[in-house]
Amino acid sequence: MKVEIYEADPFTQRKDKLLTTLNTDYRFQKGDEIFLEEGGKAVKVRVSYVQVRVKGGGVEQELLALRI
């Protein structure tokens, strides 16, 4: 399934910039901690919101995450 991980504003919880997009069968949950490594930098985030969409016979997840 397609998973998009967005950085969330720490005060308003609004969607900010897209951190990464990936394809996985893992079902993320609120509170999960994820290490994202890109371009030689590692960022640790905690999932604060999960939205699951069923679209065209497929499943997509949209995550909002706060930097830790």
PDB file of N, CA and C in Angstrom:
ATOM      1  N   MET A   1       0.835  -1.173   0.000  1.00  0.00           N
ATOM      2  CA  MET A   1       0.000   0.000   0.000  1.00  0.00           C
ATOM      3  C   MET A   1       0.881   1.237   0.000  1.00  0.00           C
ATOM      4  N   LYS A   2       0.377   2.292  -0.592  1.00  0.00           N
ATOM      5  CA  LYS A   2       1.108   3.558  -0.665  1.00  0.00           C
ATOM      6  C   LYS A   2       0.946   4.296   0.666  1.00  0.00           C
ATOM      7  N   VAL A   3       2.071   4.758   1.208  1.00  0.00           N
ATOM      8  CA  VAL A   3       2.075   5.492   2.474  1.00  0.00           C
ATOM      9  C   VAL A   3       2.792   6.816   2.257  1.00  0.00           C
ATOM     10  N   GLU A   4       2.119   7.912   2.599  1.00  0.00           N
ATOM     11  CA  GLU A   4       2.727   9.243   2.534  1.00  0.00           C
ATOM     12  C   GLU A   4       2.892   9.745   3.955  1.00  0.00           C
ATOM     13  N   ILE A   5       4.110  10.173   4.300  1.00  0.00           N
ATOM     14  CA  ILE A   5       4.389  10.674   5.643  1.00  0.00           C
ATOM     15  C   ILE A   5       4.668  12.172   5.551  1.00  0.00           C
ATOM     16  N   TYR A   6       3.826  12.945   6.229  1.00  0.00           N
ATOM     17  CA  TYR A   6       3.947  14.402   6.238  1.00  0.00           C
ATOM     18  C   TYR A   6       4.390  14.873   7.613  1.00  0.00           C
ATOM     19  N   GLU A   7       5.174  15.932   7.637  1.00  0.00           N
ATOM     20  CA  GLU A   7       5.514  16.566   8.906  1.00  0.00           C
ATOM     21  C   GLU A   7       4.309  17.384   9.350  1.00  0.00           C
ATOM     22  N   ALA A   8       3.986  17.299  10.627  1.00  0.00           N
ATOM     23  CA  ALA A   8       2.857  18.056  11.175  1.00  0.00           C
ATOM     24  C   ALA A   8       3.381  19.277  11.921  1.00  0.00           C
ATOM     25  N   ASP A   9       2.629  20.362  11.849  1.00  0.00           N
ATOM     26  CA  ASP A   9       2.957  21.546  12.634  1.00  0.00           C
ATOM     27  C   ASP A   9       2.769  21.177  14.106  1.00  0.00           C
ATOM     28  N   PRO A  10       3.757  21.433  14.970  1.00  0.00           N
ATOM     29  CA  PRO A  10       3.657  20.998  16.368  1.00  0.00           C
ATOM     30  C   PRO A  10       2.568  21.698  17.179  1.00  0.00           C
ATOM     31  N   PHE A  11       2.081  22.837  16.721  1.00  0.00           N
ATOM     32  CA  PHE A  11       1.072  23.565  17.485  1.00  0.00           C
ATOM     33  C   PHE A  11      -0.339  23.358  16.956  1.00  0.00           C
ATOM     34  N   THR A  12      -0.500  23.287  15.642  1.00  0.00           N
ATOM     35  CA  THR A  12      -1.844  23.189  15.062  1.00  0.00           C
ATOM     36  C   THR A  12      -2.177  21.800  14.525  1.00  0.00           C
ATOM     37  N   GLN A  13      -1.177  20.923  14.412  1.00  0.00           N
ATOM     38  CA  GLN A  13      -1.342  19.582  13.848  1.00  0.00           C
ATOM     39  C   GLN A  13      -1.771  19.615  12.385  1.00  0.00           C
ATOM     40  N   ARG A  14      -1.534  20.719  11.709  1.00  0.00           N
ATOM     41  CA  ARG A  14      -1.843  20.804  10.279  1.00  0.00           C
ATOM     42  C   ARG A  14      -0.728  20.176   9.466  1.00  0.00           C
ATOM     43  N   LYS A  15      -1.109  19.623   8.330  1.00  0.00           N
ATOM     44  CA  LYS A  15      -0.157  18.981   7.431  1.00  0.00           C
ATOM     45  C   LYS A  15       0.813  20.022   6.888  1.00  0.00           C
ATOM     46  N   ASP A  16       2.106  19.697   6.960  1.00  0.00           N
ATOM     47  CA  ASP A  16       3.154  20.579   6.459  1.00  0.00           C
ATOM     48  C   ASP A  16       3.827  19.892   5.281  1.00  0.00           C
ATOM     49  N   LYS A  17       5.129  19.808   5.265  1.00  0.00           N
ATOM     50  CA  LYS A  17       5.823  19.271   4.095  1.00  0.00           C
ATOM     51  C   LYS A  17       5.833  17.740   4.072  1.00  0.00           C
ATOM     52  N   LEU A  18       5.869  17.209   2.858  1.00  0.00           N
ATOM     53  CA  LEU A  18       5.947  15.774   2.645  1.00  0.00           C
ATOM     54  C   LEU A  18       7.368  15.315   2.979  1.00  0.00           C
ATOM     55  N   LEU A  19       7.480  14.361   3.922  1.00  0.00           N
ATOM     56  CA  LEU A  19       8.799  13.846   4.300  1.00  0.00           C
ATOM     57  C   LEU A  19       9.229  12.707   3.394  1.00  0.00           C
ATOM     58  N   THR A  20       8.322  11.785   3.100  1.00  0.00           N
ATOM     59  CA  THR A  20       8.650  10.662   2.230  1.00  0.00           C
ATOM     60  C   THR A  20       7.383   9.934   1.794  1.00  0.00           C
ATOM     61  N   THR A  21       7.515   9.178   0.728  1.00  0.00           N
ATOM     62  CA  THR A  21       6.457   8.301   0.232  1.00  0.00           C
ATOM     63  C   THR A  21       7.064   6.919   0.084  1.00  0.00           C
ATOM     64  N   LEU A  22       6.329   5.910   0.528  1.00  0.00           N
ATOM     65  CA  LEU A  22       6.841   4.551   0.409  1.00  0.00           C
ATOM     66  C   LEU A  22       5.713   3.565   0.155  1.00  0.00           C
ATOM     67  N   ASN A  23       6.074   2.373  -0.279  1.00  0.00           N
ATOM     68  CA  ASN A  23       5.116   1.289  -0.474  1.00  0.00           C
ATOM     69  C   ASN A  23       5.440   0.189   0.524  1.00  0.00           C
ATOM     70  N   THR A  24       4.463  -0.133   1.370  1.00  0.00           N
ATOM     71  CA  THR A  24       4.661  -1.148   2.396  1.00  0.00           C
ATOM     72  C   THR A  24       3.313  -1.746   2.779  1.00  0.00           C
ATOM     73  N   ASP A  25       3.343  -2.945   3.326  1.00  0.00           N
ATOM     74  CA  ASP A  25       2.130  -3.573   3.837  1.00  0.00           C
ATOM     75  C   ASP A  25       1.965  -3.329   5.334  1.00  0.00           C
ATOM     76  N   TYR A  26       2.948  -2.640   5.952  1.00  0.00           N
ATOM     77  CA  TYR A  26       2.879  -2.362   7.383  1.00  0.00           C
ATOM     78  C   TYR A  26       1.756  -1.376   7.668  1.00  0.00           C
ATOM     79  N   ARG A  27       0.967  -1.645   8.687  1.00  0.00           N
ATOM     80  CA  ARG A  27      -0.134  -0.749   9.079  1.00  0.00           C
ATOM     81  C   ARG A  27       0.360   0.124  10.235  1.00  0.00           C
ATOM     82  N   PHE A  28       0.651   1.375   9.936  1.00  0.00           N
ATOM     83  CA  PHE A  28       1.130   2.304  10.948  1.00  0.00           C
ATOM     84  C   PHE A  28       0.006   2.685  11.892  1.00  0.00           C
ATOM     85  N   GLN A  29       0.380   2.981  13.152  1.00  0.00           N
ATOM     86  CA  GLN A  29      -0.584   3.386  14.169  1.00  0.00           C
ATOM     87  C   GLN A  29      -0.087   4.643  14.866  1.00  0.00           C
ATOM     88  N   LYS A  30      -1.026   5.371  15.456  1.00  0.00           N
ATOM     89  CA  LYS A  30      -0.672   6.550  16.230  1.00  0.00           C
ATOM     90  C   LYS A  30       0.292   6.129  17.331  1.00  0.00           C
ATOM     91  N   GLY A  31       1.376   6.895  17.488  1.00  0.00           N
ATOM     92  CA  GLY A  31       2.372   6.600  18.511  1.00  0.00           C
ATOM     93  C   GLY A  31       3.592   5.863  17.984  1.00  0.00           C
ATOM     94  N   ASP A  32       3.514   5.296  16.769  1.00  0.00           N
ATOM     95  CA  ASP A  32       4.678   4.633  16.180  1.00  0.00           C
ATOM     96  C   ASP A  32       5.804   5.642  16.007  1.00  0.00           C
ATOM     97  N   GLU A  33       7.024   5.201  16.262  1.00  0.00           N
ATOM     98  CA  GLU A  33       8.201   6.038  16.030  1.00  0.00           C
ATOM     99  C   GLU A  33       8.942   5.496  14.829  1.00  0.00           C
ATOM    100  N   ILE A  34       9.334   6.396  13.933  1.00  0.00           N
ATOM    101  CA  ILE A  34       9.949   6.019  12.668  1.00  0.00           C
ATOM    102  C   ILE A  34      11.249   6.799  12.496  1.00  0.00           C
ATOM    103  N   PHE A  35      12.298   6.115  12.052  1.00  0.00           N
ATOM    104  CA  PHE A  35      13.540   6.770  11.672  1.00  0.00           C
ATOM    105  C   PHE A  35      13.557   6.886  10.156  1.00  0.00           C
ATOM    106  N   LEU A  36      13.646   8.093   9.655  1.00  0.00           N
ATOM    107  CA  LEU A  36      13.720   8.343   8.215  1.00  0.00           C
ATOM    108  C   LEU A  36      15.146   8.764   7.893  1.00  0.00           C
ATOM    109  N   GLU A  37      15.774   8.062   6.953  1.00  0.00           N
ATOM    110  CA  GLU A  37      17.140   8.383   6.555  1.00  0.00           C
ATOM    111  C   GLU A  37      17.163   8.708   5.074  1.00  0.00           C
ATOM    112  N   GLU A  38      17.516   9.954   4.755  1.00  0.00           N
ATOM    113  CA  GLU A  38      17.634  10.386   3.366  1.00  0.00           C
ATOM    114  C   GLU A  38      18.755  11.406   3.264  1.00  0.00           C
ATOM    115  N   GLY A  39      19.543  11.282   2.233  1.00  0.00           N
ATOM    116  CA  GLY A  39      20.613  12.242   1.982  1.00  0.00           C
ATOM    117  C   GLY A  39      21.631  12.326   3.097  1.00  0.00           C
ATOM    118  N   GLY A  40      21.875  11.219   3.801  1.00  0.00           N
ATOM    119  CA  GLY A  40      22.864  11.224   4.867  1.00  0.00           C
ATOM    120  C   GLY A  40      22.367  11.786   6.184  1.00  0.00           C
ATOM    121  N   LYS A  41      21.098  12.177   6.254  1.00  0.00           N
ATOM    122  CA  LYS A  41      20.532  12.716   7.483  1.00  0.00           C
ATOM    123  C   LYS A  41      19.475  11.755   8.011  1.00  0.00           C
ATOM    124  N   ALA A  42      19.426  11.597   9.309  1.00  0.00           N
ATOM    125  CA  ALA A  42      18.411  10.760   9.948  1.00  0.00           C
ATOM    126  C   ALA A  42      17.478  11.653  10.765  1.00  0.00           C
ATOM    127  N   VAL A  43      16.191  11.408  10.624  1.00  0.00           N
ATOM    128  CA  VAL A  43      15.185  12.166  11.358  1.00  0.00           C
ATOM    129  C   VAL A  43      14.282  11.163  12.068  1.00  0.00           C
ATOM    130  N   LYS A  44      14.026  11.403  13.341  1.00  0.00           N
ATOM    131  CA  LYS A  44      13.118  10.541  14.090  1.00  0.00           C
ATOM    132  C   LYS A  44      11.793  11.278  14.250  1.00  0.00           C
ATOM    133  N   VAL A  45      10.701  10.599  13.904  1.00  0.00           N
ATOM    134  CA  VAL A  45       9.373  11.206  14.006  1.00  0.00           C
ATOM    135  C   VAL A  45       8.434  10.249  14.742  1.00  0.00           C
ATOM    136  N   ARG A  46       7.379  10.817  15.318  1.00  0.00           N
ATOM    137  CA  ARG A  46       6.337  10.029  15.983  1.00  0.00           C
ATOM    138  C   ARG A  46       5.018  10.293  15.264  1.00  0.00           C
ATOM    139  N   VAL A  47       4.329   9.237  14.896  1.00  0.00           N
ATOM    140  CA  VAL A  47       3.062   9.347  14.177  1.00  0.00           C
ATOM    141  C   VAL A  47       1.999   9.905  15.118  1.00  0.00           C
ATOM    142  N   SER A  48       1.337  10.984  14.686  1.00  0.00           N
ATOM    143  CA  SER A  48       0.295  11.610  15.507  1.00  0.00           C
ATOM    144  C   SER A  48      -1.092  11.472  14.893  1.00  0.00           C
ATOM    145  N   TYR A  49      -1.173  11.061  13.618  1.00  0.00           N
ATOM    146  CA  TYR A  49      -2.469  10.953  12.946  1.00  0.00           C
ATOM    147  C   TYR A  49      -2.329   9.981  11.783  1.00  0.00           C
ATOM    148  N   VAL A  50      -3.300   9.103  11.639  1.00  0.00           N
ATOM    149  CA  VAL A  50      -3.300   8.132  10.539  1.00  0.00           C
ATOM    150  C   VAL A  50      -4.646   8.220   9.828  1.00  0.00           C
ATOM    151  N   GLN A  51      -4.603   8.379   8.519  1.00  0.00           N
ATOM    152  CA  GLN A  51      -5.825   8.363   7.703  1.00  0.00           C
ATOM    153  C   GLN A  51      -5.663   7.254   6.670  1.00  0.00           C
ATOM    154  N   VAL A  52      -6.648   6.361   6.616  1.00  0.00           N
ATOM    155  CA  VAL A  52      -6.633   5.256   5.659  1.00  0.00           C
ATOM    156  C   VAL A  52      -7.706   5.531   4.615  1.00  0.00           C
ATOM    157  N   ARG A  53      -7.298   5.440   3.338  1.00  0.00           N
ATOM    158  CA  ARG A  53      -8.242   5.663   2.239  1.00  0.00           C
ATOM    159  C   ARG A  53      -8.310   4.399   1.388  1.00  0.00           C
ATOM    160  N   VAL A  54      -9.524   3.982   1.063  1.00  0.00           N
ATOM    161  CA  VAL A  54      -9.722   2.887   0.118  1.00  0.00           C
ATOM    162  C   VAL A  54     -10.101   3.543  -1.192  1.00  0.00           C
ATOM    163  N   LYS A  55      -9.278   3.317  -2.207  1.00  0.00           N
ATOM    164  CA  LYS A  55      -9.425   4.051  -3.453  1.00  0.00           C
ATOM    165  C   LYS A  55      -9.147   3.111  -4.625  1.00  0.00           C
ATOM    166  N   GLY A  56     -10.125   2.912  -5.485  1.00  0.00           N
ATOM    167  CA  GLY A  56      -9.940   2.103  -6.681  1.00  0.00           C
ATOM    168  C   GLY A  56      -9.498   0.676  -6.386  1.00  0.00           C
ATOM    169  N   GLY A  57     -10.005   0.095  -5.320  1.00  0.00           N
ATOM    170  CA  GLY A  57      -9.634  -1.266  -4.966  1.00  0.00           C
ATOM    171  C   GLY A  57      -8.324  -1.378  -4.218  1.00  0.00           C
ATOM    172  N   GLY A  58      -7.650  -0.260  -3.974  1.00  0.00           N
ATOM    173  CA  GLY A  58      -6.387  -0.253  -3.231  1.00  0.00           C
ATOM    174  C   GLY A  58      -6.535   0.515  -1.929  1.00  0.00           C
ATOM    175  N   VAL A  59      -5.535   0.408  -1.093  1.00  0.00           N
ATOM    176  CA  VAL A  59      -5.544   1.097   0.197  1.00  0.00           C
ATOM    177  C   VAL A  59      -4.351   2.042   0.249  1.00  0.00           C
ATOM    178  N   GLU A  60      -4.584   3.259   0.747  1.00  0.00           N
ATOM    179  CA  GLU A  60      -3.529   4.251   0.922  1.00  0.00           C
ATOM    180  C   GLU A  60      -3.573   4.758   2.355  1.00  0.00           C
ATOM    181  N   GLN A  61      -2.406   5.083   2.905  1.00  0.00           N
ATOM    182  CA  GLN A  61      -2.331   5.687   4.222  1.00  0.00           C
ATOM    183  C   GLN A  61      -1.667   7.048   4.134  1.00  0.00           C
ATOM    184  N   GLU A  62      -2.183   7.971   4.906  1.00  0.00           N
ATOM    185  CA  GLU A  62      -1.562   9.286   5.044  1.00  0.00           C
ATOM    186  C   GLU A  62      -1.258   9.481   6.516  1.00  0.00           C
ATOM    187  N   LEU A  63       0.016   9.754   6.827  1.00  0.00           N
ATOM    188  CA  LEU A  63       0.433   9.915   8.208  1.00  0.00           C
ATOM    189  C   LEU A  63       0.881  11.337   8.461  1.00  0.00           C
ATOM    190  N   LEU A  64       0.521  11.868   9.619  1.00  0.00           N
ATOM    191  CA  LEU A  64       1.097  13.114  10.098  1.00  0.00           C
ATOM    192  C   LEU A  64       2.028  12.742  11.236  1.00  0.00           C
ATOM    193  N   ALA A  65       3.234  13.298  11.211  1.00  0.00           N
ATOM    194  CA  ALA A  65       4.237  12.927  12.194  1.00  0.00           C
ATOM    195  C   ALA A  65       4.937  14.158  12.741  1.00  0.00           C
ATOM    196  N   LEU A  66       5.273  14.099  14.022  1.00  0.00           N
ATOM    197  CA  LEU A  66       6.011  15.171  14.686  1.00  0.00           C
ATOM    198  C   LEU A  66       7.450  14.767  14.846  1.00  0.00           C
ATOM    199  N   ARG A  67       8.371  15.717  14.593  1.00  0.00           N
ATOM    200  CA  ARG A  67       9.798  15.446  14.824  1.00  0.00           C
ATOM    201  C   ARG A  67      10.036  15.306  16.318  1.00  0.00           C
ATOM    202  N   ILE A  68      10.899  14.361  16.642  1.00  0.00           N
ATOM    203  CA  ILE A  68      11.235  14.145  18.054  1.00  0.00           C
ATOM    204  C   ILE A  68      12.648  14.650  18.286  1.00  0.00           C
TER     205      ILE A  68
END
